[in-house]
Amino acid sequence: MDVTQHQPGRRRHVFYGFWGFSTLFLVLGLSTVLIIGLLVQLLNQDLISTTGMMHNTLSSVASLTAILLASLGLSHASNAPESLESEDFKTDLSWYPPKPSSITNLTTVFNSTGVWGFIFNTSHTSDSQYGTYNWCNMPHIRAKEYPRPPSEYELLYVEIIHRHHLRTPYSSNSFPVEPHPWNCNNIAIYSYSSPLTPGSPPSIPGYHSPFTSPLNPFHPSPLGLQGTCNFPQITTQGLSDSYQHGLDLLSVYSPLISPTSAEFRITNNPITSQVAGALISALLPPKTTTTTPLLIQNKEIDSLEPKYPCPLSHHLFSQIQSTPQWKSHLQLSKEILTQLDIISGVPPSDTSFHISFDHYFDNLSSKQCHSRPLPCSVHSPHNHKCIPQHLADTVYRLGQWEYHHTYRSSKQSLQASVASYGVWIAELLSHISSVTKEETKVRYRHNIAHDGSISRLLGVLQVDDMHWPGMGSEIVFEVYKQQPKHFVRVLYGGQVLKSSSPMLKGNTKGMIPLQQIMGYLGGLIGLREKDGKMMHDIKEMCNTPITYNK
């Protein structure tokens, strides 16, 4: 199924002959009458008041002329102000290749040292380095670096989606033996229910307090990661980063954020709830609110994570990870995987560690972000070896290549991401439409999600320079009004997102005409209005098999 069939492009060409020239003569005549009136006024009033009147009158004449010409299609595009939202465009839903980089060159990935200056060992990035890729805590919106738009643009609405912050590894990414436990005794994970009905008895907040019993001889299976933390769980550093993220956003968007104008959404993974608690305490200090609803969809159909069933997307991503390039990178990685297996104790038969570098990447980066040592072999005391930094760096480089290949550089990545993230995109466009139509009081929406969420969205936006979204990776949609038009600006990592698609290239300030970005995103998902309701084709798209041409 070709998603490009859902939204035909539109190019409006208006040509008037006789009526066009008649209108021009009408405007010139009106201007002459107004100027004569001004000369008469000059004889009866002082110079200052007459000058002000002349300025206002001439502005009105110019505006009237521009409106009449534009309505007739006679104005020339090169003379139009940059701020005007033009409908004179053809919707282009094509996939465009990203710019070449060290990440896209597999030879460079294998033969390089380090990780191109990326940070993997601390959440802190100095002001002088801010903007540098930091896997532990990615750059985001904050006042110091925020690209402020010209004052004539009025900010109406902001919708943010970002990955959760720093956490423990997933249990599925554990090595067979993990000698250093992860303890989270200084964190309380609350879990309780409280009735919202007025007059109901209150509930006491209760938190989990993990413990081990000397009388319980059983151990978790597999043994792997040990300690009082959950795997995964947001750590104290991750909570601190979440709170600071909230403060930084508040420094820019505070006029839009209040208990009545802001909404927050999470996924069914508890780590997004944990981030929300710390982040919202910065955005909405306790003195303004004591409780905040966290919007959440059913775990089987959630559009934010995403979790809704989409056979088409699954098929396409499987095909992407079966290409000759993918097979080649695994073939070239055999020696690297063998070294990792020997030290970690992961059996070569464990396919989950050998179909990609995802598991090794998560295990090693989680440790390094928390200043933990790289793992050493514990299963062979006579052959004690540790994973050297250069081997960990190779894992990080290959992980970057894999995400780039999966979500951006493969031609099928656009359709795969559209199908699996199209429902959330439809929700985003519905929010933007409600704002521009003045149908909602919500001015700020905040979505806390995962790397798979951000990667798919970056694929749909056709980001020019794709990376594996690190902890806290953030995409922001800002909606502006400059009379009488609306614009959308998209930011990634705190700066205007650079897209390979011509549909997402804004003016010099990054402003994209509303109809242009709605035409692109809406066109990809087949968005339309029927009987006053927004509809899209994602369900049909997901359930329609396609023929993959190798």
Protein backbone atom coordinates (compact mmCIF):
# COMPACT_ATOMS: atom_id res chain seq x y z
CA MET A 1 0.00 0.00 0.00
CA ASP A 2 1.45 3.33 -1.03
CA VAL A 3 0.72 6.00 1.59
CA THR A 4 1.37 8.77 -0.95
CA GLN A 5 -2.00 8.11 -2.59
CA HIS A 6 -3.93 9.54 0.35
CA GLN A 7 -3.12 13.24 -0.11
CA PRO A 8 -2.94 14.73 -3.60
CA GLY A 9 -0.86 17.90 -3.92
CA ARG A 10 -2.54 21.22 -4.48
CA ARG A 11 -1.29 24.13 -6.59
CA ARG A 12 -3.59 27.07 -7.02
CA HIS A 13 -3.13 29.25 -10.12
CA VAL A 14 -5.54 32.17 -10.59
CA PHE A 15 -5.56 34.23 -13.71
CA TYR A 16 -7.85 37.17 -14.33
CA GLY A 17 -7.70 39.44 -17.35
CA PHE A 18 -10.22 42.18 -17.62
CA TRP A 19 -11.24 42.05 -13.96
CA GLY A 20 -7.64 42.19 -12.84
CA PHE A 21 -6.89 45.41 -14.72
CA SER A 22 -10.20 46.90 -13.62
CA THR A 23 -9.28 46.26 -10.02
CA LEU A 24 -5.88 47.92 -10.49
CA PHE A 25 -7.53 51.05 -11.89
CA LEU A 26 -9.99 51.01 -8.96
CA VAL A 27 -7.13 50.91 -6.46
CA LEU A 28 -5.27 53.75 -8.20
CA GLY A 29 -8.42 55.87 -8.25
CA LEU A 30 -9.08 55.24 -4.57
CA SER A 31 -5.50 56.17 -3.73
CA THR A 32 -5.84 59.48 -5.62
CA VAL A 33 -9.02 60.41 -3.73
CA LEU A 34 -7.41 59.62 -0.38
CA ILE A 35 -4.28 61.67 -1.15
CA ILE A 36 -6.39 64.69 -2.19
CA GLY A 37 -8.27 64.33 1.10
CA LEU A 38 -4.98 64.37 2.98
CA LEU A 39 -3.89 67.59 1.28
CA VAL A 40 -7.13 69.26 2.36
CA GLN A 41 -6.62 67.92 5.89
CA LEU A 42 -3.11 69.38 5.92
CA LEU A 43 -4.55 72.88 5.63
CA ASN A 44 -6.70 72.40 8.76
CA GLN A 45 -4.49 70.33 11.13
CA ASP A 46 -0.99 70.40 12.51
CA LEU A 47 1.81 68.48 10.82
CA ILE A 48 2.15 65.72 13.47
CA SER A 49 -1.50 64.61 13.39
CA THR A 50 -1.61 64.81 9.60
CA THR A 51 1.58 62.75 9.26
CA GLY A 52 0.10 60.07 11.51
CA MET A 53 -3.08 60.08 9.49
CA MET A 54 -1.08 59.83 6.25
CA HIS A 55 0.90 56.85 7.58
CA ASN A 56 -2.26 55.01 8.61
CA THR A 57 -4.07 55.82 5.37
CA LEU A 58 -1.20 54.77 3.12
CA SER A 59 -0.81 51.56 5.14
CA SER A 60 -4.50 50.87 4.60
CA VAL A 61 -4.15 51.50 0.86
CA ALA A 62 -1.12 49.20 0.67
CA SER A 63 -2.91 46.48 2.61
CA LEU A 64 -6.02 46.79 0.47
CA THR A 65 -3.91 46.60 -2.68
CA ALA A 66 -2.03 43.53 -1.44
CA ILE A 67 -5.25 41.76 -0.49
CA LEU A 68 -6.91 42.47 -3.81
CA LEU A 69 -3.86 41.40 -5.78
CA ALA A 70 -3.39 38.26 -3.72
CA SER A 71 -7.05 37.32 -4.09
CA LEU A 72 -6.67 37.62 -7.84
CA GLY A 73 -3.41 35.70 -7.92
CA LEU A 74 -1.56 38.70 -9.43
CA SER A 75 1.04 39.25 -6.73
CA HIS A 76 4.51 37.86 -7.41
CA ALA A 77 5.95 35.34 -4.94
CA SER A 78 9.33 37.06 -4.80
CA ASN A 79 7.65 40.25 -3.56
CA ALA A 80 5.62 38.51 -0.85
CA PRO A 81 6.79 38.93 2.75
CA GLU A 82 8.58 35.91 4.18
CA SER A 83 5.94 35.62 6.88
CA LEU A 84 3.01 35.01 4.53
CA GLU A 85 1.62 31.48 4.65
CA SER A 86 1.39 30.58 0.99
CA GLU A 87 -0.97 27.92 -0.33
CA ASP A 88 1.04 27.81 -3.54
CA PHE A 89 2.83 24.51 -2.93
CA LYS A 90 2.60 20.93 -4.08
CA THR A 91 2.46 18.33 -1.34
CA ASP A 92 5.55 16.14 -1.57
CA LEU A 93 5.35 12.95 0.48
CA SER A 94 8.55 11.42 -0.87
CA TRP A 95 11.36 9.92 1.19
CA TYR A 96 14.55 11.99 0.95
CA PRO A 97 17.96 10.60 1.94
CA PRO A 98 19.69 12.16 4.96
CA LYS A 99 23.00 13.90 4.59
CA PRO A 100 26.01 11.57 4.55
CA SER A 101 27.97 11.41 7.79
CA SER A 102 30.45 9.27 9.68
CA ILE A 103 27.51 7.36 11.14
CA THR A 104 26.22 6.33 7.72
CA ASN A 105 29.62 5.09 6.51
CA LEU A 106 30.08 1.54 7.78
CA THR A 107 33.79 1.54 6.98
CA THR A 108 34.25 4.64 9.12
CA VAL A 109 32.14 3.12 11.90
CA PHE A 110 34.42 0.08 12.12
CA ASN A 111 37.73 1.89 11.68
CA SER A 112 37.17 4.98 13.85
CA THR A 113 38.23 5.48 17.45
CA GLY A 114 36.09 7.10 20.13
CA VAL A 115 32.49 8.05 19.34
CA TRP A 116 32.82 11.30 17.37
CA GLY A 117 33.00 13.41 20.54
CA PHE A 118 29.71 12.05 21.93
CA ILE A 119 29.37 11.81 25.72
CA PHE A 120 28.60 8.48 27.43
CA ASN A 121 29.95 8.87 30.97
CA THR A 122 28.07 11.72 32.66
CA SER A 123 24.73 13.53 32.68
CA HIS A 124 26.48 16.86 32.96
CA THR A 125 27.33 18.88 29.86
CA SER A 126 29.20 22.15 30.40
CA ASP A 127 27.72 25.35 28.98
CA SER A 128 30.59 25.59 26.50
CA GLN A 129 29.74 22.10 25.18
CA TYR A 130 25.95 22.31 25.41
CA GLY A 131 24.42 20.99 22.21
CA THR A 132 26.92 18.12 22.05
CA TYR A 133 25.33 14.66 21.80
CA ASN A 134 25.18 13.31 25.35
CA TRP A 135 23.62 9.85 25.56
CA CYS A 136 23.16 10.19 29.33
CA ASN A 137 21.28 13.51 29.11
CA MET A 138 20.55 14.93 25.68
CA PRO A 139 20.42 18.69 24.97
CA HIS A 140 16.95 20.21 25.19
CA ILE A 141 15.14 23.56 25.27
CA ARG A 142 16.56 26.00 27.78
CA ALA A 143 16.67 29.79 27.92
CA LYS A 144 20.41 30.21 27.24
CA GLU A 145 20.36 28.62 23.82
CA TYR A 146 16.69 29.01 22.85
CA PRO A 147 16.30 30.47 19.33
CA ARG A 148 13.79 33.22 20.03
CA PRO A 149 11.51 34.14 17.12
CA PRO A 150 10.80 37.74 16.06
CA SER A 151 8.35 39.57 18.29
CA GLU A 152 5.64 39.67 15.63
CA TYR A 153 5.14 35.92 16.05
CA GLU A 154 2.70 35.12 18.88
CA LEU A 155 3.26 31.74 20.52
CA LEU A 156 -0.11 30.00 20.95
CA TYR A 157 0.70 26.40 21.78
CA VAL A 158 3.51 23.97 22.54
CA GLU A 159 3.52 20.17 22.36
CA ILE A 160 6.60 18.32 23.59
CA ILE A 161 7.56 14.69 23.30
CA HIS A 162 10.75 13.39 24.87
CA ARG A 163 12.39 10.17 25.94
CA HIS A 164 12.49 9.32 29.63
CA HIS A 165 15.66 10.14 31.56
CA LEU A 166 18.50 8.04 32.97
CA ARG A 167 17.56 4.56 34.22
CA THR A 168 18.89 1.17 35.21
CA PRO A 169 19.31 -1.40 32.42
CA TYR A 170 16.46 -3.60 31.28
CA SER A 171 16.59 -7.08 32.80
CA SER A 172 16.52 -8.52 29.28
CA ASN A 173 19.87 -6.81 28.67
CA SER A 174 21.56 -8.34 31.71
CA PHE A 175 24.69 -10.43 31.52
CA PRO A 176 24.41 -13.91 33.08
CA VAL A 177 26.42 -12.76 36.09
CA GLU A 178 26.35 -9.14 37.32
CA PRO A 179 28.65 -8.84 40.35
CA HIS A 180 27.80 -5.21 41.21
CA PRO A 181 24.24 -4.75 42.54
CA TRP A 182 22.05 -1.76 41.73
CA ASN A 183 20.48 -0.46 44.93
CA CYS A 184 17.74 2.16 44.99
CA ASN A 185 17.04 2.39 48.72
CA ASN A 186 17.02 6.19 48.51
CA ILE A 187 14.07 6.26 46.06
CA ALA A 188 10.41 5.68 46.92
CA ILE A 189 8.25 4.30 44.11
CA TYR A 190 4.68 5.13 45.10
CA SER A 191 1.82 2.82 44.20
CA TYR A 192 -1.64 3.46 45.60
CA SER A 193 -5.18 4.31 44.55
CA SER A 194 -7.25 7.20 45.81
CA PRO A 195 -10.95 7.84 45.06
CA LEU A 196 -11.75 11.06 43.24
CA THR A 197 -15.36 11.18 44.40
CA PRO A 198 -15.91 14.05 46.86
CA GLY A 199 -16.50 12.85 50.40
CA SER A 200 -14.77 9.51 49.91
CA PRO A 201 -12.24 8.42 52.53
CA PRO A 202 -8.69 9.47 51.58
CA SER A 203 -5.86 7.06 50.87
CA ILE A 204 -2.39 7.21 52.38
CA PRO A 205 0.42 7.33 49.77
CA GLY A 206 2.32 4.06 49.99
CA TYR A 207 5.65 3.32 48.34
CA HIS A 208 7.50 0.12 47.54
CA SER A 209 10.32 -0.81 49.89
CA PRO A 210 12.22 -3.78 48.40
CA PHE A 211 13.93 -6.19 50.75
CA THR A 212 15.50 -9.64 50.70
CA SER A 213 14.73 -12.36 53.20
CA PRO A 214 17.44 -14.68 54.58
CA LEU A 215 14.80 -17.38 54.72
CA ASN A 216 13.93 -17.16 51.02
CA PRO A 217 16.38 -19.45 49.20
CA PHE A 218 15.11 -18.56 45.72
CA HIS A 219 16.68 -16.07 43.33
CA PRO A 220 15.26 -14.22 40.34
CA SER A 221 15.71 -16.05 37.08
CA PRO A 222 17.90 -15.42 35.27
CA LEU A 223 20.28 -14.38 38.04
CA GLY A 224 21.76 -11.41 36.20
CA LEU A 225 21.13 -7.93 37.57
CA GLN A 226 20.80 -7.79 41.33
CA GLY A 227 19.90 -5.20 43.96
CA THR A 228 16.87 -3.31 45.25
CA CYS A 229 16.30 -1.38 42.01
CA ASN A 230 13.82 -2.44 39.38
CA PHE A 231 15.13 -3.16 35.91
CA PRO A 232 14.34 -0.68 34.51
CA GLN A 233 13.87 2.14 37.01
CA ILE A 234 14.66 5.85 36.87
CA THR A 235 17.69 6.44 39.10
CA THR A 236 18.38 9.37 41.41
CA GLN A 237 20.45 10.96 38.63
CA GLY A 238 17.60 10.42 36.19
CA LEU A 239 15.14 12.06 38.60
CA SER A 240 17.49 15.01 39.02
CA ASP A 241 17.83 15.33 35.24
CA SER A 242 14.04 15.18 34.89
CA TYR A 243 13.54 17.98 37.41
CA GLN A 244 16.17 20.16 35.70
CA HIS A 245 14.54 19.46 32.34
CA GLY A 246 11.30 20.83 33.77
CA LEU A 247 13.00 23.96 35.09
CA ASP A 248 14.63 24.58 31.72
CA LEU A 249 11.32 24.27 29.88
CA LEU A 250 9.66 26.56 32.42
CA SER A 251 12.32 29.20 31.73
CA VAL A 252 11.04 29.45 28.15
CA TYR A 253 7.37 28.43 28.18
CA SER A 254 6.14 29.61 31.59
CA PRO A 255 3.37 31.88 30.17
CA LEU A 256 1.67 28.78 28.70
CA ILE A 257 1.99 26.46 31.70
CA SER A 258 -0.56 26.31 34.51
CA PRO A 259 -2.68 23.58 36.15
CA THR A 260 -5.59 24.48 33.87
CA SER A 261 -3.70 24.97 30.59
CA ALA A 262 -1.25 22.04 30.68
CA GLU A 263 -1.73 18.31 30.04
CA PHE A 264 0.71 15.46 30.59
CA ARG A 265 0.79 12.02 29.04
CA ILE A 266 2.75 8.86 29.79
CA THR A 267 3.04 5.29 28.50
CA ASN A 268 2.29 2.11 30.44
CA ASN A 269 5.97 1.65 31.25
CA PRO A 270 6.39 2.84 34.89
CA ILE A 271 9.60 4.73 34.10
CA THR A 272 7.60 7.42 32.26
CA SER A 273 5.46 7.96 35.40
CA GLN A 274 8.62 8.25 37.47
CA VAL A 275 10.00 10.93 35.15
CA ALA A 276 6.65 12.74 35.16
CA GLY A 277 6.65 13.14 38.94
CA ALA A 278 10.03 14.89 38.98
CA LEU A 279 9.45 16.94 35.83
CA ILE A 280 5.99 18.20 36.77
CA SER A 281 7.19 19.25 40.21
CA ALA A 282 9.38 21.77 38.37
CA LEU A 283 6.76 22.82 35.81
CA LEU A 284 3.90 23.03 38.32
CA PRO A 285 5.38 23.70 41.77
CA PRO A 286 3.50 22.10 44.71
CA LYS A 287 2.13 25.48 45.77
CA THR A 288 0.07 25.58 42.54
CA THR A 289 -1.18 21.99 42.55
CA THR A 290 -0.99 18.87 44.70
CA THR A 291 -2.13 16.28 42.16
CA THR A 292 -1.90 16.09 38.38
CA PRO A 293 -3.67 13.63 36.07
CA LEU A 294 -1.36 11.70 33.75
CA LEU A 295 -3.12 10.76 30.53
CA ILE A 296 -2.54 7.14 29.51
CA GLN A 297 -3.97 4.86 26.82
CA ASN A 298 -4.64 1.13 27.04
CA LYS A 299 -1.37 -0.81 27.00
CA GLU A 300 -2.43 -2.87 23.96
CA ILE A 301 -3.24 0.08 21.70
CA ASP A 302 -1.15 2.96 23.10
CA SER A 303 -0.13 5.35 20.33
CA LEU A 304 2.63 7.08 22.30
CA GLU A 305 4.97 4.15 22.97
CA PRO A 306 3.64 2.86 20.40
CA LYS A 307 1.88 -0.44 21.10
CA TYR A 308 -1.08 -0.63 18.71
CA PRO A 309 -0.90 -3.61 16.34
CA CYS A 310 0.56 -2.77 12.94
CA PRO A 311 1.57 -5.78 10.83
CA LEU A 312 2.68 -3.56 7.94
CA SER A 313 5.17 -1.65 10.10
CA HIS A 314 6.47 -4.85 11.68
CA HIS A 315 6.95 -6.34 8.22
CA LEU A 316 8.81 -3.29 6.94
CA PHE A 317 11.14 -3.01 9.94
CA SER A 318 11.86 -6.74 9.66
CA GLN A 319 12.75 -6.25 6.01
CA ILE A 320 14.99 -3.28 6.87
CA GLN A 321 16.91 -5.50 9.29
CA SER A 322 17.27 -8.18 6.64
CA THR A 323 18.93 -6.06 3.98
CA PRO A 324 22.40 -6.87 2.62
CA GLN A 325 23.78 -3.86 4.53
CA TRP A 326 22.41 -5.19 7.82
CA LYS A 327 23.72 -8.68 7.19
CA SER A 328 27.09 -7.26 6.19
CA HIS A 329 27.47 -5.26 9.40
CA LEU A 330 26.71 -8.35 11.51
CA GLN A 331 29.15 -10.43 9.48
CA LEU A 332 31.87 -7.82 9.99
CA SER A 333 31.04 -7.71 13.72
CA LYS A 334 31.61 -11.40 14.46
CA GLU A 335 35.01 -10.88 16.07
CA ILE A 336 33.68 -7.97 18.13
CA LEU A 337 30.74 -10.03 19.38
CA THR A 338 33.05 -12.92 20.22
CA GLN A 339 35.20 -10.66 22.41
CA LEU A 340 32.11 -9.31 24.16
CA ASP A 341 30.68 -12.81 24.70
CA ILE A 342 33.88 -14.13 26.25
CA ILE A 343 34.04 -11.34 28.82
CA SER A 344 30.32 -10.97 29.56
CA GLY A 345 29.51 -14.65 29.65
CA VAL A 346 26.66 -14.23 27.17
CA PRO A 347 26.35 -17.52 25.26
CA PRO A 348 26.79 -17.23 21.47
CA SER A 349 23.46 -19.04 21.12
CA ASP A 350 21.59 -16.10 22.72
CA THR A 351 20.19 -14.55 19.54
CA SER A 352 18.85 -11.45 21.33
CA PHE A 353 22.44 -10.29 21.89
CA HIS A 354 23.53 -11.11 18.34
CA ILE A 355 20.85 -9.82 15.98
CA SER A 356 21.82 -6.24 16.83
CA PHE A 357 23.98 -4.31 19.31
CA ASP A 358 20.94 -3.05 21.25
CA HIS A 359 21.47 -5.28 24.31
CA TYR A 360 25.20 -4.72 24.66
CA PHE A 361 24.69 -0.98 24.04
CA ASP A 362 22.13 -0.65 26.83
CA ASN A 363 24.11 -2.72 29.35
CA LEU A 364 27.38 -0.85 28.84
CA SER A 365 26.00 2.67 28.48
CA SER A 366 23.81 2.32 31.61
CA LYS A 367 26.89 1.46 33.61
CA GLN A 368 29.06 4.23 32.19
CA CYS A 369 26.40 6.93 32.58
CA HIS A 370 26.29 6.06 36.30
CA SER A 371 30.10 6.10 36.63
CA ARG A 372 30.23 2.34 37.06
CA PRO A 373 33.19 0.37 35.73
CA LEU A 374 32.93 -1.53 32.48
CA PRO A 375 32.23 -5.20 33.24
CA CYS A 376 34.92 -7.82 33.74
CA SER A 377 34.74 -11.58 33.31
CA VAL A 378 33.67 -13.34 36.53
CA HIS A 379 32.89 -16.80 35.20
CA SER A 380 36.56 -17.54 34.43
CA PRO A 381 38.77 -16.47 37.39
CA HIS A 382 41.93 -17.69 35.63
CA ASN A 383 41.24 -15.50 32.58
CA HIS A 384 40.21 -12.21 34.18
CA LYS A 385 39.58 -9.65 31.46
CA CYS A 386 37.54 -6.44 31.34
CA ILE A 387 35.79 -4.81 28.41
CA PRO A 388 38.18 -2.05 27.28
CA GLN A 389 36.88 1.42 26.48
CA HIS A 390 37.74 1.13 22.79
CA LEU A 391 35.52 -1.99 22.55
CA ALA A 392 32.64 -0.19 24.29
CA ASP A 393 33.12 2.74 21.89
CA THR A 394 32.83 0.33 18.96
CA VAL A 395 29.53 -0.93 20.39
CA TYR A 396 28.29 2.67 20.63
CA ARG A 397 29.31 3.48 17.05
CA LEU A 398 27.63 0.36 15.69
CA GLY A 399 24.48 1.11 17.69
CA GLN A 400 24.34 4.55 16.10
CA TRP A 401 24.66 3.02 12.64
CA GLU A 402 21.89 0.52 13.37
CA TYR A 403 19.39 3.18 14.46
CA HIS A 404 20.27 5.38 11.49
CA HIS A 405 19.81 2.46 9.10
CA THR A 406 16.53 1.34 10.70
CA TYR A 407 14.77 4.67 11.09
CA ARG A 408 16.26 6.97 8.50
CA SER A 409 18.67 5.82 5.78
CA SER A 410 16.54 2.90 4.51
CA LYS A 411 13.94 3.96 1.95
CA GLN A 412 11.30 1.83 3.69
CA SER A 413 11.88 3.59 7.02
CA LEU A 414 9.48 6.44 6.25
CA GLN A 415 6.50 4.19 5.56
CA ALA A 416 7.39 1.90 8.46
CA SER A 417 7.46 4.83 10.88
CA VAL A 418 4.33 6.46 9.43
CA ALA A 419 2.35 3.26 9.93
CA SER A 420 3.53 2.63 13.49
CA TYR A 421 3.42 6.25 14.68
CA GLY A 422 0.65 7.67 12.53
CA VAL A 423 -2.00 7.55 15.25
CA TRP A 424 0.06 9.80 17.54
CA ILE A 425 0.70 12.14 14.61
CA ALA A 426 -3.05 12.34 13.99
CA GLU A 427 -3.53 13.25 17.65
CA LEU A 428 -0.86 15.94 17.37
CA LEU A 429 -2.49 17.47 14.27
CA SER A 430 -5.88 17.39 15.98
CA HIS A 431 -4.41 19.33 18.92
CA ILE A 432 -2.87 21.92 16.60
CA SER A 433 -6.11 22.29 14.65
CA SER A 434 -8.09 22.84 17.86
CA VAL A 435 -5.69 25.60 18.89
CA THR A 436 -5.80 27.45 15.57
CA LYS A 437 -9.61 27.21 15.57
CA GLU A 438 -9.71 28.47 19.19
CA GLU A 439 -11.59 25.36 20.34
CA THR A 440 -9.41 24.50 23.35
CA LYS A 441 -7.92 26.11 26.43
CA VAL A 442 -4.97 23.72 26.53
CA ARG A 443 -1.77 25.60 25.66
CA TYR A 444 0.88 23.07 26.66
CA ARG A 445 1.02 19.30 26.20
CA HIS A 446 3.86 17.11 27.39
CA ASN A 447 4.43 13.50 26.30
CA ILE A 448 6.99 11.28 28.07
CA ALA A 449 7.96 8.39 25.84
CA HIS A 450 10.81 6.15 24.66
CA ASP A 451 13.64 5.98 22.13
CA GLY A 452 11.42 3.99 19.75
CA SER A 453 8.85 6.81 19.92
CA ILE A 454 11.38 9.54 19.17
CA SER A 455 13.13 7.50 16.46
CA ARG A 456 9.91 6.90 14.55
CA LEU A 457 8.93 10.56 14.78
CA LEU A 458 12.37 11.68 13.59
CA GLY A 459 11.98 9.25 10.69
CA VAL A 460 8.63 10.79 9.75
CA LEU A 461 10.11 14.29 10.04
CA GLN A 462 13.04 13.07 7.89
CA VAL A 463 15.65 14.61 10.16
CA ASP A 464 18.79 15.38 8.19
CA ASP A 465 21.24 14.17 10.84
CA MET A 466 19.89 11.09 12.62
CA HIS A 467 21.28 9.68 15.87
CA TRP A 468 20.05 7.11 18.36
CA PRO A 469 17.92 9.32 20.66
CA GLY A 470 19.63 9.37 24.05
CA MET A 471 18.10 9.93 27.48
CA GLY A 472 15.77 12.95 27.52
CA SER A 473 15.85 13.42 23.71
CA GLU A 474 13.23 16.06 22.95
CA ILE A 475 11.12 17.15 19.96
CA VAL A 476 9.04 20.31 20.31
CA PHE A 477 6.18 21.58 18.13
CA GLU A 478 5.47 25.29 18.55
CA VAL A 479 2.37 26.90 17.00
CA TYR A 480 2.54 30.62 16.21
CA LYS A 481 0.24 33.25 14.85
CA GLN A 482 1.31 36.18 12.76
CA GLN A 483 -1.82 37.91 11.56
CA PRO A 484 -3.62 36.49 9.74
CA LYS A 485 -1.63 33.26 9.32
CA HIS A 486 -0.46 30.37 11.51
CA PHE A 487 2.94 28.72 11.52
CA VAL A 488 4.55 25.70 13.14
CA ARG A 489 8.16 25.49 14.23
CA VAL A 490 9.76 22.14 15.05
CA LEU A 491 12.78 21.93 17.36
CA TYR A 492 15.01 18.98 18.19
CA GLY A 493 17.72 19.07 20.81
CA GLY A 494 16.80 22.68 21.60
CA GLN A 495 17.34 23.99 18.07
CA VAL A 496 15.30 24.21 14.87
CA LEU A 497 15.04 20.73 13.35
CA LYS A 498 16.77 20.36 9.99
CA SER A 499 14.81 18.10 7.66
CA SER A 500 15.76 16.58 4.31
CA SER A 501 12.15 16.99 3.11
CA PRO A 502 11.38 20.28 1.32
CA MET A 503 7.97 20.21 3.00
CA LEU A 504 9.56 20.84 6.40
CA LYS A 505 11.96 23.59 5.47
CA GLY A 506 10.67 26.80 7.02
CA ASN A 507 11.77 30.39 6.57
CA THR A 508 14.97 31.77 8.07
CA LYS A 509 13.37 31.59 11.52
CA GLY A 510 12.27 27.98 11.05
CA MET A 511 8.60 28.91 10.61
CA ILE A 512 6.67 26.44 8.46
CA PRO A 513 3.26 27.57 7.13
CA LEU A 514 0.53 25.65 8.93
CA GLN A 515 -1.06 24.32 5.74
CA GLN A 516 2.31 23.09 4.51
CA ILE A 517 3.19 20.98 7.54
CA MET A 518 -0.44 19.82 7.90
CA GLY A 519 -0.39 18.88 4.22
CA TYR A 520 2.76 16.81 4.70
CA LEU A 521 1.98 15.03 7.98
CA GLY A 522 -1.72 14.77 7.19
CA GLY A 523 -0.95 13.51 3.70
CA LEU A 524 1.23 10.71 5.03
CA ILE A 525 -1.54 9.38 7.27
CA GLY A 526 -4.51 10.16 5.01
CA LEU A 527 -5.93 12.73 7.41
CA ARG A 528 -9.29 14.20 6.44
CA GLU A 529 -12.47 15.57 7.97
CA LYS A 530 -15.78 13.79 7.61
CA ASP A 531 -19.03 14.86 9.25
CA GLY A 532 -17.08 17.23 11.48
CA LYS A 533 -14.70 14.51 12.70
CA MET A 534 -11.06 13.95 11.85
CA MET A 535 -10.27 10.60 10.28
CA HIS A 536 -7.14 8.88 9.00
CA ASP A 537 -6.04 5.69 7.25
CA ILE A 538 -3.56 4.23 9.75
CA LYS A 539 -5.65 1.20 10.72
CA GLU A 540 -6.24 0.31 7.08
CA MET A 541 -2.59 0.99 6.31
CA CYS A 542 -1.38 -1.24 9.14
CA ASN A 543 -3.55 -4.14 8.02
CA THR A 544 -2.73 -3.95 4.34
CA PRO A 545 0.11 -6.26 3.25
CA ILE A 546 2.66 -4.86 0.86
CA THR A 547 5.05 -6.38 -1.61
CA TYR A 548 8.65 -5.67 -0.68
CA ASN A 549 10.97 -5.29 -3.64
CA LYS A 550 14.55 -6.12 -2.80
